[in-house]
N, C-alpha and C. Protein backbone atom coordinates (compact mmCIF):
# COMPACT_ATOMS: atom_id res chain seq x y z
N UNK A 1 -0.82 195.64 156.34
CA UNK A 1 -1.51 195.14 157.47
C UNK A 1 -2.68 196.15 157.96
N UNK A 2 -3.91 195.63 158.08
CA UNK A 2 -5.17 196.43 158.45
C UNK A 2 -5.57 195.91 159.77
N UNK A 3 -6.14 196.97 160.49
CA UNK A 3 -6.84 196.55 161.67
C UNK A 3 -8.33 196.95 161.64
N UNK A 4 -9.14 196.05 161.87
CA UNK A 4 -10.49 196.25 161.69
C UNK A 4 -11.35 196.07 163.02
N UNK A 5 -12.34 196.77 163.22
CA UNK A 5 -13.16 196.79 164.37
C UNK A 5 -14.51 197.60 164.17
N UNK A 6 -15.43 197.32 164.97
CA UNK A 6 -16.58 198.27 165.06
C UNK A 6 -16.96 198.61 166.30
N UNK A 7 -17.63 199.77 166.34
CA UNK A 7 -18.02 200.42 167.77
C UNK A 7 -19.56 200.82 167.57
N UNK A 8 -20.13 201.01 168.77
CA UNK A 8 -21.48 201.54 168.93
C UNK A 8 -21.30 202.82 169.53
N UNK A 9 -22.25 203.82 168.83
CA UNK A 9 -22.30 205.16 169.42
C UNK A 9 -23.74 205.58 169.62
N UNK A 10 -24.24 205.51 170.94
CA UNK A 10 -25.50 205.83 171.22
C UNK A 10 -25.98 207.29 171.08
N UNK A 11 -27.26 207.43 170.77
CA UNK A 11 -27.80 208.84 170.61
C UNK A 11 -27.78 209.53 172.13
N UNK A 12 -27.87 208.64 173.12
CA UNK A 12 -27.80 209.28 174.44
C UNK A 12 -26.33 209.59 174.81
N UNK A 13 -26.03 210.75 175.52
CA UNK A 13 -24.64 211.17 175.70
C UNK A 13 -23.91 210.11 176.57
N UNK A 14 -22.52 210.04 176.11
CA UNK A 14 -21.73 209.37 176.99
C UNK A 14 -20.89 210.37 177.98
N UNK A 15 -20.91 210.19 179.31
CA UNK A 15 -20.50 211.12 180.19
C UNK A 15 -18.95 210.88 180.34
N UNK A 16 -18.34 211.94 180.48
CA UNK A 16 -16.77 211.83 180.64
C UNK A 16 -16.34 212.99 181.42
N UNK A 17 -15.24 212.82 182.36
CA UNK A 17 -14.71 214.03 183.05
C UNK A 17 -14.38 215.09 181.90
N UNK A 18 -14.64 216.32 182.30
CA UNK A 18 -14.39 217.51 181.58
C UNK A 18 -13.86 218.74 182.35
N UNK A 19 -13.39 219.74 181.74
CA UNK A 19 -12.85 220.94 182.38
C UNK A 19 -14.16 221.78 182.32
N UNK A 20 -14.27 222.64 183.24
CA UNK A 20 -15.41 223.63 183.40
C UNK A 20 -14.88 224.97 184.13
N UNK A 21 -15.87 225.83 184.26
CA UNK A 21 -15.52 227.08 184.96
C UNK A 21 -15.61 226.83 186.29
N UNK A 22 -14.48 227.42 187.05
CA UNK A 22 -14.50 227.11 188.55
C UNK A 22 -15.87 227.60 189.25
N UNK A 23 -16.46 226.81 190.01
CA UNK A 23 -17.70 227.16 190.74
C UNK A 23 -18.97 226.66 189.88
N UNK A 24 -18.80 226.30 188.73
CA UNK A 24 -20.03 225.98 187.85
C UNK A 24 -19.79 224.51 187.43
N UNK A 25 -20.79 223.62 187.72
CA UNK A 25 -20.67 222.32 187.35
C UNK A 25 -21.23 222.19 185.94
N UNK A 26 -20.54 221.54 184.95
CA UNK A 26 -21.01 221.26 183.63
C UNK A 26 -22.28 220.35 183.57
N UNK A 27 -23.23 220.60 182.98
CA UNK A 27 -24.48 219.91 182.87
C UNK A 27 -24.65 219.33 181.43
N UNK A 28 -24.94 218.16 181.20
CA UNK A 28 -25.29 217.59 180.00
C UNK A 28 -26.64 216.80 180.06
N UNK A 29 -27.59 217.25 179.25
CA UNK A 29 -28.93 216.70 179.16
C UNK A 29 -28.88 215.20 178.87
N UNK A 30 -30.11 214.55 178.97
CA UNK A 30 -30.15 213.05 178.52
C UNK A 30 -31.66 213.09 178.31
N UNK A 31 -31.95 211.81 177.50
CA UNK A 31 -33.27 211.47 177.33
C UNK A 31 -33.30 210.04 177.02
N UNK A 32 -34.50 209.41 177.18
CA UNK A 32 -34.62 207.96 177.12
C UNK A 32 -34.72 207.54 175.61
N UNK A 33 -33.66 207.11 174.99
CA UNK A 33 -33.61 206.57 173.63
C UNK A 33 -32.58 205.57 173.40
N UNK A 34 -32.97 204.53 172.63
CA UNK A 34 -32.07 203.42 172.54
C UNK A 34 -31.43 203.32 171.01
N UNK A 35 -31.69 204.47 170.36
CA UNK A 35 -31.13 204.43 169.01
C UNK A 35 -29.59 204.53 168.86
N UNK A 36 -28.95 203.94 167.94
CA UNK A 36 -27.53 204.07 167.97
C UNK A 36 -26.96 203.93 166.58
N UNK A 37 -25.70 204.31 166.39
CA UNK A 37 -24.98 204.09 165.12
C UNK A 37 -23.81 203.20 165.24
N UNK A 38 -23.76 202.35 164.47
CA UNK A 38 -22.53 201.40 164.47
C UNK A 38 -21.49 201.90 163.35
N UNK A 39 -20.14 202.03 163.84
CA UNK A 39 -19.17 202.51 162.84
C UNK A 39 -18.24 201.22 162.69
N UNK A 40 -18.23 200.90 161.38
CA UNK A 40 -17.06 199.82 160.90
C UNK A 40 -15.98 200.75 160.40
N UNK A 41 -14.71 200.44 160.95
CA UNK A 41 -13.59 201.16 160.45
C UNK A 41 -12.59 200.14 160.29
N UNK A 42 -11.50 200.39 159.47
CA UNK A 42 -10.19 199.64 159.30
C UNK A 42 -9.15 200.67 159.28
N UNK A 43 -8.13 200.36 159.89
CA UNK A 43 -7.00 201.21 159.99
C UNK A 43 -5.80 200.69 159.29
N UNK A 44 -5.07 201.27 158.34
CA UNK A 44 -3.98 200.81 157.91
C UNK A 44 -2.92 201.18 158.72
N UNK A 45 -2.20 200.21 159.45
CA UNK A 45 -1.11 200.57 160.39
C UNK A 45 0.14 201.06 159.92
N UNK A 46 0.30 201.01 158.60
CA UNK A 46 1.50 201.43 158.02
C UNK A 46 1.39 202.94 157.53
N UNK A 47 0.16 203.17 156.91
CA UNK A 47 0.03 204.51 156.44
C UNK A 47 -0.83 205.35 157.15
N UNK A 48 -1.67 204.88 158.10
CA UNK A 48 -2.62 205.58 158.85
C UNK A 48 -3.93 205.77 158.26
N UNK A 49 -4.17 205.31 157.01
CA UNK A 49 -5.34 205.40 156.20
C UNK A 49 -6.50 204.83 156.94
N UNK A 50 -7.77 205.47 157.07
CA UNK A 50 -8.88 204.94 157.68
C UNK A 50 -9.93 204.58 156.42
N UNK A 51 -10.63 203.39 156.43
CA UNK A 51 -11.74 203.12 155.79
C UNK A 51 -12.75 202.88 156.51
N UNK A 52 -13.96 203.76 156.44
CA UNK A 52 -15.12 203.69 157.45
C UNK A 52 -16.39 203.50 156.79
N UNK A 53 -17.49 203.13 157.60
CA UNK A 53 -18.72 203.00 157.09
C UNK A 53 -19.60 203.09 158.33
N UNK A 54 -20.60 203.94 158.37
CA UNK A 54 -21.60 204.09 159.48
C UNK A 54 -22.80 203.32 159.07
N UNK A 55 -23.35 202.51 160.07
CA UNK A 55 -24.49 201.67 159.86
C UNK A 55 -25.56 202.02 160.75
N UNK A 56 -26.71 201.94 160.35
CA UNK A 56 -27.95 202.28 161.23
C UNK A 56 -28.06 201.32 162.26
N UNK A 57 -28.62 201.63 163.47
CA UNK A 57 -28.81 200.64 164.50
C UNK A 57 -29.72 199.69 164.22
N UNK A 58 -29.71 198.41 164.82
CA UNK A 58 -30.58 197.40 164.55
C UNK A 58 -32.00 197.64 164.98
N UNK A 59 -32.10 198.46 166.10
CA UNK A 59 -33.48 198.83 166.62
C UNK A 59 -34.14 199.62 165.61
N UNK A 60 -33.52 200.76 165.07
CA UNK A 60 -34.18 201.59 164.12
C UNK A 60 -34.59 200.84 162.87
N UNK A 61 -33.54 199.93 162.42
CA UNK A 61 -33.75 199.16 161.05
C UNK A 61 -34.91 198.11 161.27
N UNK A 62 -34.97 197.66 162.52
CA UNK A 62 -35.97 196.58 162.68
C UNK A 62 -37.36 197.12 162.40
N UNK A 63 -37.69 198.26 162.49
CA UNK A 63 -38.90 198.83 162.22
C UNK A 63 -39.39 198.80 160.88
N UNK A 64 -38.27 198.63 159.92
CA UNK A 64 -38.46 198.49 158.50
C UNK A 64 -38.20 197.17 157.94
N UNK A 65 -37.29 196.41 158.57
CA UNK A 65 -36.98 195.05 158.13
C UNK A 65 -37.09 194.07 159.31
N UNK A 66 -37.06 192.80 159.05
CA UNK A 66 -37.25 191.75 159.99
C UNK A 66 -35.88 191.03 160.25
N UNK A 67 -34.78 191.59 159.93
CA UNK A 67 -33.55 190.96 160.24
C UNK A 67 -33.15 191.10 161.78
N UNK A 68 -32.42 190.13 162.23
CA UNK A 68 -31.84 190.15 163.48
C UNK A 68 -30.71 191.09 163.47
N UNK A 69 -30.17 191.50 164.69
CA UNK A 69 -28.98 192.32 164.88
C UNK A 69 -27.87 191.76 164.19
N UNK A 70 -27.55 190.49 164.52
CA UNK A 70 -26.36 189.83 163.95
C UNK A 70 -26.50 189.77 162.42
N UNK A 71 -27.73 189.52 161.93
CA UNK A 71 -27.84 189.41 160.39
C UNK A 71 -27.64 190.83 159.69
N UNK A 72 -28.06 191.86 160.46
CA UNK A 72 -27.68 193.15 159.85
C UNK A 72 -26.21 193.48 159.92
N UNK A 73 -25.59 193.10 161.12
CA UNK A 73 -24.23 193.49 161.15
C UNK A 73 -23.38 192.47 160.23
N UNK A 74 -23.88 191.24 159.89
CA UNK A 74 -23.25 190.54 158.87
C UNK A 74 -23.18 191.02 157.63
N UNK A 75 -24.29 191.57 157.24
CA UNK A 75 -24.53 192.29 155.85
C UNK A 75 -23.59 193.62 155.74
N UNK A 76 -23.60 194.30 157.02
CA UNK A 76 -22.67 195.44 157.04
C UNK A 76 -21.40 195.21 156.88
N UNK A 77 -20.87 194.10 157.66
CA UNK A 77 -19.42 193.67 157.46
C UNK A 77 -19.00 193.21 156.06
N UNK A 78 -19.92 192.52 155.40
CA UNK A 78 -19.71 192.27 153.93
C UNK A 78 -19.59 193.44 153.22
N UNK A 79 -20.42 194.53 153.34
CA UNK A 79 -20.32 195.65 152.52
C UNK A 79 -19.02 196.37 152.94
N UNK A 80 -18.66 196.37 154.16
CA UNK A 80 -17.42 197.00 154.47
C UNK A 80 -16.21 196.40 153.82
N UNK A 81 -16.30 195.02 153.74
CA UNK A 81 -15.32 194.26 153.14
C UNK A 81 -15.08 194.52 151.53
N UNK A 82 -16.26 194.83 150.94
CA UNK A 82 -16.17 195.35 149.57
C UNK A 82 -15.63 196.68 149.46
N UNK A 83 -15.82 197.61 150.57
CA UNK A 83 -15.22 198.89 150.50
C UNK A 83 -13.68 198.73 150.54
N UNK A 84 -13.23 197.66 151.39
CA UNK A 84 -11.79 197.26 151.45
C UNK A 84 -11.16 196.78 150.15
N UNK A 85 -11.96 196.10 149.49
CA UNK A 85 -11.52 195.57 148.22
C UNK A 85 -11.16 196.70 147.28
N UNK A 86 -12.20 197.65 147.19
CA UNK A 86 -11.95 198.85 146.39
C UNK A 86 -10.76 199.76 146.81
N UNK A 87 -10.53 199.75 148.18
CA UNK A 87 -9.47 200.52 148.62
C UNK A 87 -8.07 199.85 148.36
N UNK A 88 -7.97 198.53 148.53
CA UNK A 88 -6.91 197.75 148.30
C UNK A 88 -7.13 196.60 147.28
N UNK A 89 -7.12 196.99 145.97
CA UNK A 89 -7.31 196.00 145.03
C UNK A 89 -6.13 195.05 144.87
N UNK A 90 -6.55 193.83 144.22
CA UNK A 90 -5.49 192.69 143.97
C UNK A 90 -4.34 193.24 143.16
N UNK A 91 -4.50 194.31 142.39
CA UNK A 91 -3.39 194.76 141.48
C UNK A 91 -2.19 195.38 142.34
N UNK A 92 -2.42 195.48 143.68
CA UNK A 92 -1.32 195.88 144.54
C UNK A 92 -0.14 194.82 144.55
N UNK A 93 -0.46 193.61 144.31
CA UNK A 93 0.48 192.52 144.23
C UNK A 93 0.76 191.78 145.42
N UNK A 94 0.37 192.33 146.55
CA UNK A 94 0.51 191.67 147.84
C UNK A 94 -0.61 191.43 148.64
N UNK A 95 -0.52 190.40 149.48
CA UNK A 95 -1.80 190.16 150.25
C UNK A 95 -1.81 191.30 151.36
N UNK A 96 -3.04 191.52 151.63
CA UNK A 96 -3.35 192.66 152.67
C UNK A 96 -4.14 192.04 153.78
N UNK A 97 -3.33 191.71 154.99
CA UNK A 97 -3.94 190.98 156.11
C UNK A 97 -4.79 192.04 156.96
N UNK A 98 -6.00 191.46 157.18
CA UNK A 98 -6.97 192.16 157.99
C UNK A 98 -7.02 191.53 159.32
N UNK A 99 -6.66 192.08 160.55
CA UNK A 99 -6.89 191.59 161.83
C UNK A 99 -8.19 191.90 162.30
N UNK A 100 -8.99 190.92 162.75
CA UNK A 100 -10.33 191.14 163.34
C UNK A 100 -10.38 190.43 164.58
N UNK A 101 -11.56 190.82 165.35
CA UNK A 101 -11.78 189.92 166.54
C UNK A 101 -12.76 188.88 166.30
N UNK A 102 -13.22 188.17 167.21
CA UNK A 102 -14.12 187.04 167.03
C UNK A 102 -15.63 187.35 167.18
N UNK A 103 -16.04 188.42 166.64
CA UNK A 103 -17.48 188.86 166.75
C UNK A 103 -18.28 187.82 165.81
N UNK A 104 -19.45 187.57 166.15
CA UNK A 104 -20.18 186.54 165.34
C UNK A 104 -20.64 187.10 163.99
N UNK A 105 -20.59 188.47 163.94
CA UNK A 105 -21.01 189.02 162.67
C UNK A 105 -19.87 189.01 161.60
N UNK A 106 -18.62 188.54 162.05
CA UNK A 106 -17.59 188.52 161.10
C UNK A 106 -17.47 187.19 160.28
N UNK A 107 -18.61 186.35 160.60
CA UNK A 107 -18.78 185.08 159.90
C UNK A 107 -20.04 185.33 159.24
N UNK A 108 -20.22 184.50 158.13
CA UNK A 108 -21.47 184.63 157.40
C UNK A 108 -21.27 184.41 155.91
N UNK A 109 -22.28 184.10 155.30
CA UNK A 109 -22.23 183.89 153.82
C UNK A 109 -21.78 185.00 152.96
N UNK A 110 -22.21 186.25 153.41
CA UNK A 110 -21.82 187.40 152.54
C UNK A 110 -20.36 187.71 152.58
N UNK A 111 -19.78 187.66 153.90
CA UNK A 111 -18.38 187.93 154.00
C UNK A 111 -17.56 186.84 153.45
N UNK A 112 -18.02 185.47 153.53
CA UNK A 112 -17.31 184.39 152.97
C UNK A 112 -17.30 184.49 151.46
N UNK A 113 -18.32 184.94 150.98
CA UNK A 113 -18.42 185.28 149.31
C UNK A 113 -17.33 186.27 148.85
N UNK A 114 -17.30 187.35 149.63
CA UNK A 114 -16.29 188.42 149.28
C UNK A 114 -14.91 187.93 149.54
N UNK A 115 -14.62 187.28 150.66
CA UNK A 115 -13.12 186.83 150.79
C UNK A 115 -12.98 185.71 149.86
N UNK A 116 -13.77 184.83 149.39
CA UNK A 116 -13.45 183.82 148.41
C UNK A 116 -13.21 184.48 147.05
N UNK A 117 -13.84 185.58 146.71
CA UNK A 117 -13.69 186.16 145.41
C UNK A 117 -12.33 187.18 145.44
N UNK A 118 -11.88 187.51 146.65
CA UNK A 118 -10.78 188.24 146.70
C UNK A 118 -9.85 187.56 147.69
N UNK A 119 -8.98 186.72 147.34
CA UNK A 119 -8.03 185.92 148.27
C UNK A 119 -6.81 186.83 148.74
N UNK A 120 -6.67 187.98 148.12
CA UNK A 120 -5.54 188.77 148.55
C UNK A 120 -5.85 189.51 149.87
N UNK A 121 -7.16 189.24 150.40
CA UNK A 121 -7.62 189.98 151.75
C UNK A 121 -7.66 188.82 152.61
N UNK A 122 -6.69 188.15 153.19
CA UNK A 122 -6.99 187.14 154.18
C UNK A 122 -7.22 187.75 155.54
N UNK A 123 -8.04 187.16 156.47
CA UNK A 123 -8.35 187.51 157.76
C UNK A 123 -7.61 186.79 158.74
N UNK A 124 -7.13 187.68 159.78
CA UNK A 124 -6.36 187.02 160.88
C UNK A 124 -7.10 187.26 162.19
N UNK A 125 -7.59 186.24 162.74
CA UNK A 125 -8.44 186.42 163.94
C UNK A 125 -7.56 186.53 165.09
N UNK A 126 -7.83 187.39 165.96
CA UNK A 126 -7.11 187.76 167.25
C UNK A 126 -7.63 186.77 168.34
N UNK A 127 -6.89 186.48 169.37
CA UNK A 127 -7.45 185.64 170.38
C UNK A 127 -8.56 186.26 171.07
N UNK A 128 -9.37 185.52 171.64
CA UNK A 128 -10.44 186.05 172.48
C UNK A 128 -10.21 186.86 173.64
N UNK A 129 -10.74 188.06 173.94
CA UNK A 129 -10.66 188.75 175.10
C UNK A 129 -9.31 189.43 175.16
N UNK A 130 -8.73 189.85 173.90
CA UNK A 130 -7.38 190.50 173.84
C UNK A 130 -7.57 191.85 173.03
N UNK A 131 -8.48 192.70 173.32
CA UNK A 131 -8.67 193.85 172.57
C UNK A 131 -7.45 194.73 172.45
N UNK A 132 -6.58 194.68 173.41
CA UNK A 132 -5.37 195.51 173.29
C UNK A 132 -4.52 195.12 172.07
N UNK A 133 -4.64 193.99 171.48
CA UNK A 133 -3.87 193.59 170.41
C UNK A 133 -4.37 194.18 169.11
N UNK A 134 -5.60 194.67 169.16
CA UNK A 134 -6.16 195.30 167.83
C UNK A 134 -5.99 196.77 167.99
N UNK A 135 -5.11 197.36 167.05
CA UNK A 135 -4.67 198.82 167.18
C UNK A 135 -5.99 199.76 167.01
N UNK A 136 -6.95 199.34 166.27
CA UNK A 136 -7.99 200.39 166.04
C UNK A 136 -8.71 200.56 167.23
N UNK A 137 -8.72 199.74 168.34
CA UNK A 137 -9.38 200.07 169.53
C UNK A 137 -8.88 201.32 170.21
N UNK A 138 -7.63 201.71 169.86
CA UNK A 138 -7.21 203.05 170.29
C UNK A 138 -7.92 204.26 169.66
N UNK A 139 -8.40 203.97 168.52
CA UNK A 139 -9.07 205.01 167.74
C UNK A 139 -10.45 205.44 168.34
N UNK A 140 -11.12 204.29 168.88
CA UNK A 140 -12.45 204.55 169.45
C UNK A 140 -12.44 205.52 170.53
N UNK A 141 -11.38 205.39 171.38
CA UNK A 141 -11.45 206.31 172.68
C UNK A 141 -11.32 207.73 172.21
N UNK A 142 -10.38 208.11 171.24
CA UNK A 142 -10.29 209.42 170.92
C UNK A 142 -11.42 209.90 169.91
N UNK A 143 -12.00 209.02 169.13
CA UNK A 143 -13.14 209.41 168.47
C UNK A 143 -14.39 209.81 169.33
N UNK A 144 -14.72 209.05 170.41
CA UNK A 144 -15.59 209.31 171.36
C UNK A 144 -15.43 210.61 171.94
N UNK A 145 -14.18 210.76 172.47
CA UNK A 145 -13.92 212.10 173.13
C UNK A 145 -14.05 213.35 172.14
N UNK A 146 -13.73 213.02 170.92
CA UNK A 146 -13.97 214.25 169.97
C UNK A 146 -15.20 214.48 169.57
N UNK A 147 -16.05 213.26 169.30
CA UNK A 147 -17.42 213.35 168.73
C UNK A 147 -18.64 213.38 169.59
N UNK A 148 -18.48 212.48 170.59
CA UNK A 148 -19.79 212.17 171.47
C UNK A 148 -19.72 212.42 172.89
N UNK A 149 -18.49 212.45 173.56
CA UNK A 149 -18.66 212.59 174.98
C UNK A 149 -19.30 213.81 175.36
N UNK A 150 -20.06 213.98 176.42
CA UNK A 150 -20.77 215.05 176.93
C UNK A 150 -21.65 215.89 175.94
N UNK A 151 -22.16 215.20 174.92
CA UNK A 151 -22.91 216.04 173.92
C UNK A 151 -24.18 215.32 173.77
N UNK A 152 -25.27 216.01 173.78
CA UNK A 152 -26.70 215.49 173.67
C UNK A 152 -27.04 215.75 172.29
N UNK A 153 -27.42 214.78 171.56
CA UNK A 153 -27.89 214.74 170.09
C UNK A 153 -29.46 214.73 170.13
N UNK A 154 -30.00 215.66 169.38
CA UNK A 154 -31.42 215.65 169.21
C UNK A 154 -32.12 214.59 168.26
N UNK A 155 -31.11 214.39 167.17
CA UNK A 155 -31.70 213.29 166.23
C UNK A 155 -30.39 212.48 165.77
N UNK A 156 -30.80 211.36 165.08
CA UNK A 156 -29.68 210.44 164.35
C UNK A 156 -28.91 211.23 163.44
N UNK A 157 -29.53 212.07 162.55
CA UNK A 157 -28.59 212.84 161.66
C UNK A 157 -27.54 213.70 162.31
N UNK A 158 -27.88 214.35 163.43
CA UNK A 158 -26.84 215.15 164.16
C UNK A 158 -25.79 214.19 164.71
N UNK A 159 -26.12 212.98 165.30
CA UNK A 159 -25.10 212.07 165.73
C UNK A 159 -24.29 211.65 164.50
N UNK A 160 -24.84 211.24 163.32
CA UNK A 160 -24.02 210.94 162.21
C UNK A 160 -23.29 211.92 161.69
N UNK A 161 -23.81 213.09 161.70
CA UNK A 161 -22.89 214.38 161.25
C UNK A 161 -21.72 214.60 162.13
N UNK A 162 -21.82 214.44 163.46
CA UNK A 162 -20.69 214.71 164.43
C UNK A 162 -19.62 213.48 164.02
N UNK A 163 -20.10 212.21 163.84
CA UNK A 163 -19.20 211.06 163.73
C UNK A 163 -18.46 211.19 162.34
N UNK A 164 -19.29 211.59 161.26
CA UNK A 164 -18.62 211.87 160.09
C UNK A 164 -17.51 212.91 160.09
N UNK A 165 -17.90 214.10 160.78
CA UNK A 165 -16.86 215.01 160.85
C UNK A 165 -15.60 214.71 161.44
N UNK A 166 -15.73 213.95 162.69
CA UNK A 166 -14.54 213.54 163.32
C UNK A 166 -13.83 212.44 162.56
N UNK A 167 -14.45 211.54 161.89
CA UNK A 167 -13.88 210.57 161.06
C UNK A 167 -13.06 211.21 159.90
N UNK A 168 -13.71 212.20 159.26
CA UNK A 168 -12.95 212.95 158.28
C UNK A 168 -11.79 213.62 158.70
N UNK A 169 -11.90 214.24 159.90
CA UNK A 169 -10.61 214.82 160.57
C UNK A 169 -9.46 213.92 160.74
N UNK A 170 -9.84 212.64 161.18
CA UNK A 170 -8.82 211.57 161.26
C UNK A 170 -8.38 211.04 160.03
N UNK A 171 -9.18 210.95 159.01
CA UNK A 171 -8.77 210.50 157.69
C UNK A 171 -7.71 211.49 157.16
N UNK A 172 -7.88 212.80 157.40
CA UNK A 172 -7.01 213.74 156.75
C UNK A 172 -5.68 214.00 157.69
N UNK A 173 -5.83 213.73 158.80
CA UNK A 173 -4.78 213.89 159.89
C UNK A 173 -4.21 212.46 160.24
N UNK A 174 -3.61 211.86 159.20
CA UNK A 174 -3.10 210.59 159.39
C UNK A 174 -1.92 210.42 160.36
N UNK A 175 -1.21 211.56 160.57
CA UNK A 175 -0.13 211.47 161.63
C UNK A 175 -0.82 211.21 163.05
N UNK A 176 -2.04 211.75 163.36
CA UNK A 176 -2.67 211.55 164.64
C UNK A 176 -2.97 209.95 164.78
N UNK A 177 -3.41 209.37 163.55
CA UNK A 177 -3.70 207.73 163.75
C UNK A 177 -2.36 207.11 163.93
N UNK A 178 -1.38 207.49 163.36
CA UNK A 178 -0.10 206.73 163.46
C UNK A 178 0.48 207.06 164.89
N UNK A 179 0.17 208.31 165.47
CA UNK A 179 0.67 208.41 166.75
C UNK A 179 0.16 207.53 167.87
N UNK A 180 -1.25 207.12 167.49
CA UNK A 180 -2.07 206.21 168.37
C UNK A 180 -1.34 204.81 168.31
N UNK A 181 -0.65 204.58 167.18
CA UNK A 181 0.03 203.25 167.15
C UNK A 181 1.51 203.20 167.74
N UNK A 182 2.29 204.51 167.42
CA UNK A 182 3.56 204.30 167.74
C UNK A 182 3.95 205.33 168.98
N UNK A 183 2.89 205.49 169.84
CA UNK A 183 3.13 206.16 171.06
C UNK A 183 4.00 205.40 171.99
N UNK A 184 5.04 206.10 172.71
CA UNK A 184 5.82 205.39 173.61
C UNK A 184 5.10 204.94 174.70
N UNK A 185 4.04 205.60 175.17
CA UNK A 185 3.12 205.21 176.33
C UNK A 185 2.48 203.77 175.99
N UNK A 186 2.01 203.75 174.68
CA UNK A 186 1.31 202.58 174.31
C UNK A 186 2.30 201.27 174.24
N UNK A 187 3.57 201.63 173.83
CA UNK A 187 4.56 200.57 173.75
C UNK A 187 4.81 200.12 175.28
N UNK A 188 4.98 200.95 176.16
CA UNK A 188 5.19 200.66 177.48
C UNK A 188 4.02 199.92 178.10
N UNK A 189 2.63 200.33 177.84
CA UNK A 189 1.63 199.47 178.26
C UNK A 189 1.64 198.10 177.70
N UNK A 190 2.00 197.99 176.35
CA UNK A 190 1.98 196.54 175.68
C UNK A 190 3.10 195.66 176.47
N UNK A 191 4.26 196.33 176.85
CA UNK A 191 5.22 195.38 177.46
C UNK A 191 4.69 195.01 178.89
N UNK A 192 3.92 195.82 179.54
CA UNK A 192 3.32 195.55 180.82
C UNK A 192 2.36 194.42 180.77
N UNK A 193 1.58 194.43 179.74
CA UNK A 193 0.49 193.36 179.49
C UNK A 193 1.08 192.14 178.81
N UNK A 194 2.26 192.13 178.44
CA UNK A 194 2.75 191.05 177.70
C UNK A 194 2.40 190.83 176.25
N UNK A 195 1.87 192.00 175.68
CA UNK A 195 1.48 191.84 174.28
C UNK A 195 2.67 191.90 173.38
């Protein structure tokens, strides 16, 4: 069982409460920039394995191509599905269910072709407006805290590097991924929300 989602990481810092030296307020710079990186990620909820792909923002790519944001993300999702085909081949003998949300870029010719060629990867669409059902949503919060909160990046390569380093950390520390899923606090929250 896989949990798939994507998240945006802007070049402009995301501000978050932090600790500091008493009497000195922490300062984070900012600048006017709309560039961002999309991260496509899939979490194996049994083993904690991550399969990830970073995608250039639509605004940056639009300078070079004429594709819309949705079309670019549809292409990126199809490529991400091909990554999953390599990570979970049909020779495993069992279907590998991928839970996804109802984003418009999860539909399209490219992803339909990949799924038709590899029927062992069925998609399970979650109900609308229920992100708490998608386990990978928990990863984005800790990834942002580790990689981008209160940090000003001077360029896109710096942002990509910070994201790659944090994703590599979580790929090697699978017990951290599994702790996001099996946390007693998360189970209590799920009972309260009726999930």
